[in-house]
Amino acid sequence: MLAANIGYVMYRVMKMWKTIVSYLPEWQVYIQAFIVFFIPYLISKLFNRLRNSKDE
C-alpha cells in the first residue's frame, strides 16, 4: 500500500511540474528580455563613464 501511495504522489508531482513548465516561455524570450534590459544599461554606463572622465 505504501509503494502504491508513493507512486501516486510521484505521478501527481510530475503532472504538477509538467503544468508549471507548460506556462514558461521559450528560451528566445529570455534572450530578448536580456537584450532589451542589458544593452540600455551598458549604454547608460558608457555615457556615465564618458561624462565622469570629461569632468576630471
N, C-alpha and C. Protein backbone atom coordinates (compact mmCIF):
# COMPACT_ATOMS: atom_id res chain seq x y z
N MET A 1 0.82 -1.19 0.00
CA MET A 1 0.00 0.00 0.00
C MET A 1 0.86 1.26 0.00
N LEU A 2 1.96 1.25 0.75
CA LEU A 2 2.84 2.40 0.81
C LEU A 2 3.49 2.66 -0.54
N ALA A 3 3.89 1.60 -1.24
CA ALA A 3 4.51 1.75 -2.56
C ALA A 3 3.52 2.34 -3.56
N ALA A 4 2.27 1.93 -3.48
CA ALA A 4 1.25 2.46 -4.38
C ALA A 4 1.01 3.94 -4.07
N ASN A 5 1.04 4.29 -2.80
CA ASN A 5 0.83 5.68 -2.40
C ASN A 5 1.99 6.55 -2.88
N ILE A 6 3.23 6.05 -2.77
CA ILE A 6 4.40 6.80 -3.24
C ILE A 6 4.34 6.98 -4.75
N GLY A 7 3.91 5.94 -5.45
CA GLY A 7 3.77 6.03 -6.90
C GLY A 7 2.75 7.09 -7.30
N TYR A 8 1.65 7.15 -6.59
CA TYR A 8 0.62 8.14 -6.87
C TYR A 8 1.13 9.55 -6.60
N VAL A 9 1.87 9.71 -5.51
CA VAL A 9 2.42 11.02 -5.17
C VAL A 9 3.41 11.45 -6.25
N MET A 10 4.27 10.54 -6.69
CA MET A 10 5.23 10.88 -7.75
C MET A 10 4.52 11.25 -9.05
N TYR A 11 3.44 10.53 -9.36
CA TYR A 11 2.65 10.86 -10.55
C TYR A 11 2.08 12.27 -10.45
N ARG A 12 1.56 12.63 -9.28
CA ARG A 12 0.99 13.97 -9.09
C ARG A 12 2.06 15.05 -9.18
N VAL A 13 3.25 14.77 -8.63
CA VAL A 13 4.35 15.75 -8.68
C VAL A 13 4.79 15.96 -10.13
N MET A 14 4.93 14.88 -10.89
CA MET A 14 5.34 15.01 -12.29
C MET A 14 4.29 15.76 -13.09
N LYS A 15 3.02 15.49 -12.82
CA LYS A 15 1.94 16.21 -13.52
C LYS A 15 1.98 17.70 -13.18
N MET A 16 2.26 18.01 -11.90
CA MET A 16 2.35 19.41 -11.48
C MET A 16 3.49 20.12 -12.21
N TRP A 17 4.68 19.49 -12.28
CA TRP A 17 5.82 20.11 -12.94
C TRP A 17 5.57 20.29 -14.43
N LYS A 18 4.91 19.33 -15.07
CA LYS A 18 4.58 19.48 -16.50
C LYS A 18 3.65 20.66 -16.71
N THR A 19 2.71 20.86 -15.78
CA THR A 19 1.80 22.00 -15.88
C THR A 19 2.55 23.31 -15.70
N ILE A 20 3.45 23.37 -14.73
CA ILE A 20 4.22 24.60 -14.49
C ILE A 20 5.11 24.91 -15.68
N VAL A 21 5.81 23.92 -16.20
CA VAL A 21 6.73 24.13 -17.32
C VAL A 21 5.98 24.54 -18.58
N SER A 22 4.75 24.08 -18.74
CA SER A 22 3.99 24.46 -19.93
C SER A 22 3.69 25.95 -19.97
N TYR A 23 3.70 26.61 -18.81
CA TYR A 23 3.44 28.06 -18.78
C TYR A 23 4.70 28.90 -18.97
N LEU A 24 5.87 28.30 -18.91
CA LEU A 24 7.11 29.05 -19.09
C LEU A 24 7.33 29.35 -20.57
N PRO A 25 7.83 30.54 -20.89
CA PRO A 25 8.09 30.86 -22.30
C PRO A 25 9.34 30.13 -22.80
N GLU A 26 9.51 30.18 -24.11
CA GLU A 26 10.68 29.53 -24.70
C GLU A 26 11.93 30.35 -24.42
N TRP A 27 13.09 29.76 -24.67
CA TRP A 27 14.36 30.39 -24.30
C TRP A 27 14.61 31.67 -25.10
N GLN A 28 14.03 31.81 -26.29
CA GLN A 28 14.23 33.03 -27.07
C GLN A 28 13.68 34.25 -26.35
N VAL A 29 12.62 34.06 -25.60
CA VAL A 29 12.02 35.17 -24.86
C VAL A 29 12.99 35.67 -23.79
N TYR A 30 13.70 34.76 -23.13
CA TYR A 30 14.67 35.16 -22.12
C TYR A 30 15.84 35.90 -22.75
N ILE A 31 16.27 35.48 -23.93
CA ILE A 31 17.36 36.16 -24.64
C ILE A 31 16.92 37.58 -25.03
N GLN A 32 15.71 37.71 -25.54
CA GLN A 32 15.21 39.02 -25.93
C GLN A 32 15.08 39.94 -24.71
N ALA A 33 14.61 39.41 -23.60
CA ALA A 33 14.49 40.24 -22.39
C ALA A 33 15.87 40.67 -21.91
N PHE A 34 16.85 39.80 -21.98
CA PHE A 34 18.21 40.15 -21.60
C PHE A 34 18.74 41.28 -22.48
N ILE A 35 18.51 41.19 -23.77
CA ILE A 35 18.98 42.22 -24.70
C ILE A 35 18.27 43.54 -24.42
N VAL A 36 16.96 43.49 -24.22
CA VAL A 36 16.17 44.71 -24.02
C VAL A 36 16.60 45.45 -22.76
N PHE A 37 16.96 44.74 -21.71
CA PHE A 37 17.32 45.39 -20.46
C PHE A 37 18.82 45.63 -20.30
N PHE A 38 19.65 44.79 -20.89
CA PHE A 38 21.08 44.87 -20.66
C PHE A 38 21.76 45.90 -21.56
N ILE A 39 21.36 46.00 -22.81
CA ILE A 39 22.00 46.95 -23.74
C ILE A 39 21.76 48.40 -23.30
N PRO A 40 20.54 48.83 -22.95
CA PRO A 40 20.40 50.19 -22.43
C PRO A 40 21.20 50.44 -21.16
N TYR A 41 21.33 49.43 -20.31
CA TYR A 41 22.15 49.55 -19.11
C TYR A 41 23.61 49.80 -19.49
N LEU A 42 24.12 49.06 -20.46
CA LEU A 42 25.50 49.26 -20.90
C LEU A 42 25.69 50.65 -21.51
N ILE A 43 24.72 51.10 -22.29
CA ILE A 43 24.82 52.42 -22.91
C ILE A 43 24.83 53.50 -21.83
N SER A 44 23.97 53.37 -20.81
CA SER A 44 23.96 54.37 -19.75
C SER A 44 25.27 54.37 -18.97
N LYS A 45 25.84 53.20 -18.72
CA LYS A 45 27.13 53.14 -18.03
C LYS A 45 28.23 53.77 -18.87
N LEU A 46 28.19 53.56 -20.17
CA LEU A 46 29.19 54.16 -21.06
C LEU A 46 29.11 55.68 -21.01
N PHE A 47 27.89 56.22 -21.09
CA PHE A 47 27.76 57.67 -21.06
C PHE A 47 28.12 58.25 -19.69
N ASN A 48 27.80 57.53 -18.63
CA ASN A 48 28.22 57.99 -17.29
C ASN A 48 29.73 58.02 -17.18
N ARG A 49 30.39 57.02 -17.71
CA ARG A 49 31.85 56.98 -17.67
C ARG A 49 32.45 58.11 -18.51
N LEU A 50 31.86 58.36 -19.68
CA LEU A 50 32.34 59.45 -20.53
C LEU A 50 32.14 60.80 -19.84
N ARG A 51 31.00 60.98 -19.21
CA ARG A 51 30.73 62.25 -18.53
C ARG A 51 31.66 62.44 -17.33
N ASN A 52 31.92 61.37 -16.61
CA ASN A 52 32.82 61.48 -15.45
C ASN A 52 34.28 61.72 -15.88
N SER A 53 34.68 61.12 -16.97
CA SER A 53 36.05 61.36 -17.44
C SER A 53 36.20 62.78 -18.00
N LYS A 54 35.11 63.34 -18.53
CA LYS A 54 35.14 64.71 -19.05
C LYS A 54 35.25 65.71 -17.89
N ASP A 55 34.62 65.41 -16.76
CA ASP A 55 34.66 66.30 -15.60
C ASP A 55 36.06 66.35 -14.96
N GLU A 56 36.82 65.30 -15.07
CA GLU A 56 38.14 65.25 -14.42
C GLU A 56 39.18 66.06 -15.12
